[in-house]
């Protein structure tokens, strides 16, 4: 039976349950004559009589009873599921998948993430972005012991002579070029060294162990700089980038649960 005829089945179920065209018509909001026409058309298409009609009563035939017992529960299940899905509009339920500290710059749509977190200048223009952290300044740091053995760099070009701790980018398998800025001058330095890591905190640990210079966010280096465990070099070349932003594809696709997560992450200075 074509799907457009499902309304005919719903009309039959109403009449068979109410055992009355009058009550079923009132329930469905249609006239008795229109309802009677719908039932006759359904019986004609099936080639079966579904209801026995008298002047005083209406009752399902054997075929009608079977149809009522088998089809009516299916519609009830559909209605229950639709009601359950509708409740999700107002209830914060479900799983929210987030990718963060994303050096690989994942495609959140292709990789089926709901939210991504990355620096604001790395968010694609077609994404909706919400700031979740302050602007981030970068720092080139090394231990006092390392800098006693190797003269502190005065210019970005001096980094070529240093043992630098690299950050490996998983997307292309290459190393991140250190971005340095002084006024309007910007340079990217491809540094070299014996160690490379996939994360900032591993780079910090390596720098603290005296393996060389690391280019890391100043906020995680600052406690060690204050304590004298690290020295900030090339400070006048240290750039500031747009802070971390949470981003997602479309407001039309956001759920109640996702909106709650975004609001919880939202940065308030």
Protein backbone atom coordinates (compact mmCIF):
# COMPACT_ATOMS: atom_id res chain seq x y z
CA UNK A 1 0.00 0.00 0.00
CA UNK A 2 1.43 3.44 -0.90
CA UNK A 3 2.55 5.51 2.07
CA UNK A 4 0.03 8.27 1.30
CA UNK A 5 -2.70 5.79 2.27
CA UNK A 6 -1.52 5.53 5.87
CA UNK A 7 -4.17 8.11 6.79
CA UNK A 8 -6.79 5.64 5.54
CA UNK A 9 -5.48 3.04 7.98
CA UNK A 10 -5.56 5.55 10.83
CA UNK A 11 -9.18 6.32 9.93
CA UNK A 12 -10.04 2.61 9.97
CA UNK A 13 -8.34 2.12 13.37
CA UNK A 14 -10.33 5.00 14.85
CA UNK A 15 -13.67 3.60 13.62
CA UNK A 16 -12.84 0.02 14.63
CA UNK A 17 -11.85 1.07 18.13
CA UNK A 18 -14.71 3.49 18.69
CA UNK A 19 -17.23 1.15 17.01
CA UNK A 20 -18.85 4.33 15.79
CA UNK A 21 -18.45 6.58 12.75
CA UNK A 22 -19.83 9.49 14.76
CA UNK A 23 -17.28 9.27 17.58
CA UNK A 24 -14.39 8.45 15.19
CA UNK A 25 -15.25 11.43 12.97
CA UNK A 26 -15.27 13.75 15.99
CA UNK A 27 -11.94 12.32 17.13
CA UNK A 28 -10.35 12.81 13.70
CA UNK A 29 -11.93 16.21 13.06
CA UNK A 30 -13.67 15.18 9.82
CA UNK A 31 -17.27 14.77 8.71
CA UNK A 32 -19.02 11.39 8.98
CA UNK A 33 -19.59 11.32 5.22
CA UNK A 34 -15.89 11.97 4.49
CA UNK A 35 -14.88 9.27 6.96
CA UNK A 36 -17.33 6.79 5.44
CA UNK A 37 -15.94 7.54 1.98
CA UNK A 38 -12.37 6.96 3.21
CA UNK A 39 -13.25 3.57 4.68
CA UNK A 40 -15.10 2.47 1.52
CA UNK A 41 -12.10 3.51 -0.61
CA UNK A 42 -9.75 1.50 1.66
CA UNK A 43 -11.96 -1.60 1.45
CA UNK A 44 -12.10 -1.24 -2.33
CA UNK A 45 -8.32 -1.06 -2.64
CA UNK A 46 -7.82 -4.09 -0.39
CA UNK A 47 -10.72 -6.04 -1.94
CA UNK A 48 -11.95 -6.88 1.55
CA UNK A 49 -14.74 -5.73 3.81
CA UNK A 50 -13.18 -4.47 7.02
CA UNK A 51 -16.27 -3.25 8.90
CA UNK A 52 -19.77 -4.62 9.34
CA UNK A 53 -22.23 -1.73 9.46
CA UNK A 54 -25.78 -1.71 10.76
CA UNK A 55 -28.05 1.16 11.62
CA UNK A 56 -27.14 0.71 15.28
CA UNK A 57 -23.53 -0.44 15.35
CA UNK A 58 -20.21 -0.85 13.59
CA UNK A 59 -17.91 -3.85 14.17
CA UNK A 60 -14.73 -5.09 12.46
CA UNK A 61 -14.99 -8.17 10.28
CA UNK A 62 -12.49 -11.03 10.75
CA UNK A 63 -10.15 -9.32 8.29
CA UNK A 64 -10.75 -5.98 9.99
CA UNK A 65 -10.00 -7.47 13.43
CA UNK A 66 -6.75 -8.93 12.17
CA UNK A 67 -5.75 -5.62 10.61
CA UNK A 68 -6.59 -3.79 13.84
CA UNK A 69 -4.54 -6.17 15.99
CA UNK A 70 -1.47 -6.12 13.74
CA UNK A 71 -1.36 -2.56 12.39
CA UNK A 72 -2.61 -0.45 15.31
CA UNK A 73 0.34 -1.37 17.64
CA UNK A 74 2.81 -0.33 14.92
CA UNK A 75 1.30 3.13 14.72
CA UNK A 76 1.37 3.37 18.50
CA UNK A 77 5.09 2.55 18.47
CA UNK A 78 5.71 5.20 15.83
CA UNK A 79 3.78 7.81 17.83
CA UNK A 80 5.69 6.90 21.00
CA UNK A 81 9.06 7.22 19.24
CA UNK A 82 8.09 10.55 17.69
CA UNK A 83 7.09 11.83 21.12
CA UNK A 84 10.41 10.64 22.59
CA UNK A 85 12.40 12.32 19.82
CA UNK A 86 10.44 15.56 20.26
CA UNK A 87 11.41 15.65 23.95
CA UNK A 88 15.08 15.85 22.91
CA UNK A 89 14.49 19.44 21.80
CA UNK A 90 14.25 20.56 25.42
CA UNK A 91 16.25 17.89 27.25
CA UNK A 92 20.09 17.97 27.35
CA UNK A 93 20.61 14.34 26.36
CA UNK A 94 22.96 12.58 24.01
CA UNK A 95 26.69 12.35 23.36
CA UNK A 96 28.77 15.37 22.32
CA UNK A 97 32.04 14.46 20.55
CA UNK A 98 34.81 17.05 20.94
CA UNK A 99 38.27 17.19 19.39
CA UNK A 100 40.71 19.50 21.17
CA UNK A 101 44.43 20.40 21.17
CA UNK A 102 44.12 19.50 17.54
CA UNK A 103 47.54 19.87 15.91
CA UNK A 104 46.26 17.77 13.03
CA UNK A 105 43.45 20.27 12.34
CA UNK A 106 40.76 17.61 11.91
CA UNK A 107 37.74 18.17 9.68
CA UNK A 108 35.03 17.93 12.33
CA UNK A 109 32.29 17.29 9.76
CA UNK A 110 34.14 14.49 7.95
CA UNK A 111 35.39 12.98 11.23
CA UNK A 112 31.92 13.25 12.82
CA UNK A 113 32.83 15.50 15.73
CA UNK A 114 30.24 17.90 17.12
CA UNK A 115 32.70 20.51 18.38
CA UNK A 116 36.33 21.30 17.68
CA UNK A 117 38.69 23.43 19.77
CA UNK A 118 41.61 25.31 18.20
CA UNK A 119 43.16 28.77 18.02
CA UNK A 120 40.83 31.38 16.61
CA UNK A 121 43.02 32.12 13.57
CA UNK A 122 42.85 28.42 12.59
CA UNK A 123 39.05 28.19 12.51
CA UNK A 124 37.58 27.94 8.99
CA UNK A 125 35.46 30.91 7.89
CA UNK A 126 32.33 28.79 7.40
CA UNK A 127 32.34 27.60 11.02
CA UNK A 128 30.59 29.19 13.98
CA UNK A 129 33.24 30.01 16.60
CA UNK A 130 32.91 30.84 20.30
CA UNK A 131 35.90 32.08 22.28
CA UNK A 132 36.77 29.71 25.14
CA UNK A 133 40.09 31.21 26.26
CA UNK A 134 42.12 34.44 26.30
CA UNK A 135 44.62 35.43 23.62
CA UNK A 136 47.71 33.24 23.77
CA UNK A 137 51.28 34.51 23.72
CA UNK A 138 54.07 32.16 22.70
CA UNK A 139 57.54 31.91 24.28
CA UNK A 140 60.91 30.41 23.33
CA UNK A 141 62.38 28.96 26.52
CA UNK A 142 65.34 26.93 27.73
CA UNK A 143 67.01 26.11 31.03
CA UNK A 144 69.76 28.31 32.52
CA UNK A 145 72.13 25.33 32.25
CA UNK A 146 71.44 24.92 28.53
CA UNK A 147 71.94 28.64 27.89
CA UNK A 148 75.27 28.58 29.76
CA UNK A 149 76.54 26.13 27.15
CA UNK A 150 74.83 27.80 24.17
CA UNK A 151 74.68 31.56 23.73
CA UNK A 152 71.12 32.87 23.98
CA UNK A 153 69.69 33.68 20.53
CA UNK A 154 69.30 37.39 19.80
CA UNK A 155 67.51 37.04 16.45
CA UNK A 156 65.29 34.34 14.95
CA UNK A 157 68.13 33.37 12.62
CA UNK A 158 70.25 32.44 15.65
CA UNK A 159 67.88 29.53 16.33
CA UNK A 160 69.50 27.63 13.45
CA UNK A 161 72.55 27.04 15.67
CA UNK A 162 70.48 25.71 18.58
CA UNK A 163 69.15 22.31 19.55
CA UNK A 164 65.40 23.00 19.26
CA UNK A 165 62.57 20.76 20.40
CA UNK A 166 60.17 20.27 17.49
CA UNK A 167 56.42 19.81 17.33
CA UNK A 168 55.35 17.19 14.80
CA UNK A 169 52.13 17.91 12.91
CA UNK A 170 50.12 14.68 12.43
CA UNK A 171 48.26 15.97 9.35
CA UNK A 172 51.30 16.16 7.10
CA UNK A 173 53.94 14.43 9.22
CA UNK A 174 56.15 17.52 9.09
CA UNK A 175 57.38 19.89 11.79
CA UNK A 176 55.72 23.10 12.89
CA UNK A 177 57.60 26.21 11.78
CA UNK A 178 58.14 28.58 14.69
CA UNK A 179 56.18 31.77 14.01
CA UNK A 180 57.92 34.84 15.40
CA UNK A 181 56.86 38.47 15.19
CA UNK A 182 58.43 41.80 16.11
CA UNK A 183 56.30 44.81 15.26
CA UNK A 184 55.31 44.36 11.61
CA UNK A 185 58.10 41.88 10.90
CA UNK A 186 57.06 38.23 10.82
CA UNK A 187 59.25 35.20 10.21
CA UNK A 188 58.77 31.44 10.22
CA UNK A 189 61.82 29.46 11.28
CA UNK A 190 62.28 25.77 10.42
CA UNK A 191 64.29 24.70 13.44
CA UNK A 192 66.26 21.51 13.94
CA UNK A 193 66.99 19.36 16.96
CA UNK A 194 67.27 15.87 18.33
CA UNK A 195 63.77 15.64 19.78
CA UNK A 196 60.26 15.97 18.35
CA UNK A 197 56.93 15.50 20.12
CA UNK A 198 53.22 15.49 19.33
CA UNK A 199 52.22 17.67 22.27
CA UNK A 200 53.12 20.89 24.07
CA UNK A 201 53.54 19.40 27.54
CA UNK A 202 56.06 16.83 26.31
CA UNK A 203 58.02 19.71 24.77
CA UNK A 204 57.89 21.56 28.09
CA UNK A 205 59.22 18.52 29.96
CA UNK A 206 62.05 18.15 27.45
CA UNK A 207 62.99 21.81 27.82
CA UNK A 208 62.96 21.50 31.62
CA UNK A 209 65.28 18.51 31.28
CA UNK A 210 67.78 20.70 29.42
CA UNK A 211 67.47 19.14 25.96
CA UNK A 212 67.16 22.47 24.16
CA UNK A 213 64.86 25.36 23.35
CA UNK A 214 61.08 24.91 23.12
CA UNK A 215 58.43 27.13 21.53
CA UNK A 216 55.40 26.81 23.79
CA UNK A 217 52.50 28.89 25.16
CA UNK A 218 53.79 31.44 27.66
CA UNK A 219 51.11 30.64 30.23
CA UNK A 220 52.38 27.09 30.78
CA UNK A 221 56.01 28.24 30.76
CA UNK A 222 55.52 31.21 33.10
CA UNK A 223 55.48 29.31 36.43
CA UNK A 224 58.83 27.75 35.52
CA UNK A 225 60.20 31.10 34.33
CA UNK A 226 59.16 32.72 37.62
CA UNK A 227 60.79 29.88 39.57
CA UNK A 228 64.02 30.26 37.58
CA UNK A 229 63.81 26.80 35.99
CA UNK A 230 63.40 28.30 32.49
CA UNK A 231 64.61 31.46 30.76
CA UNK A 232 62.51 33.30 28.17
CA UNK A 233 64.62 34.21 25.14
CA UNK A 234 63.67 36.28 22.08
CA UNK A 235 60.92 37.79 24.20
CA UNK A 236 60.63 40.79 21.88
CA UNK A 237 59.89 38.34 19.03
CA UNK A 238 57.16 36.47 20.93
CA UNK A 239 53.82 36.75 19.09
CA UNK A 240 50.31 36.74 20.49
CA UNK A 241 47.68 34.63 18.75
CA UNK A 242 43.90 34.58 19.00
CA UNK A 243 43.00 32.35 21.93
CA UNK A 244 41.24 29.00 21.84
CA UNK A 245 37.81 28.89 20.23
CA UNK A 246 35.18 26.17 20.21
CA UNK A 247 33.65 25.85 16.76
CA UNK A 248 30.87 23.88 15.11
CA UNK A 249 29.19 23.60 11.75
CA UNK A 250 25.75 25.18 12.05
CA UNK A 251 23.35 26.62 14.61
CA UNK A 252 20.51 24.79 12.85
CA UNK A 253 22.15 21.45 13.71
CA UNK A 254 22.96 22.23 17.34
CA UNK A 255 21.11 20.27 20.03
CA UNK A 256 20.10 21.39 23.50
CA UNK A 257 22.98 19.34 24.95
CA UNK A 258 25.48 20.95 22.57
CA UNK A 259 24.26 24.44 23.43
CA UNK A 260 24.81 23.70 27.12
CA UNK A 261 28.37 22.52 26.41
CA UNK A 262 29.12 25.63 24.33
CA UNK A 263 27.74 27.91 27.04
CA UNK A 264 29.83 26.12 29.69
CA UNK A 265 33.00 26.54 27.61
CA UNK A 266 32.35 30.18 26.67
CA UNK A 267 35.14 32.49 27.86
CA UNK A 268 34.27 35.42 30.12
CA UNK A 269 37.21 37.81 30.73
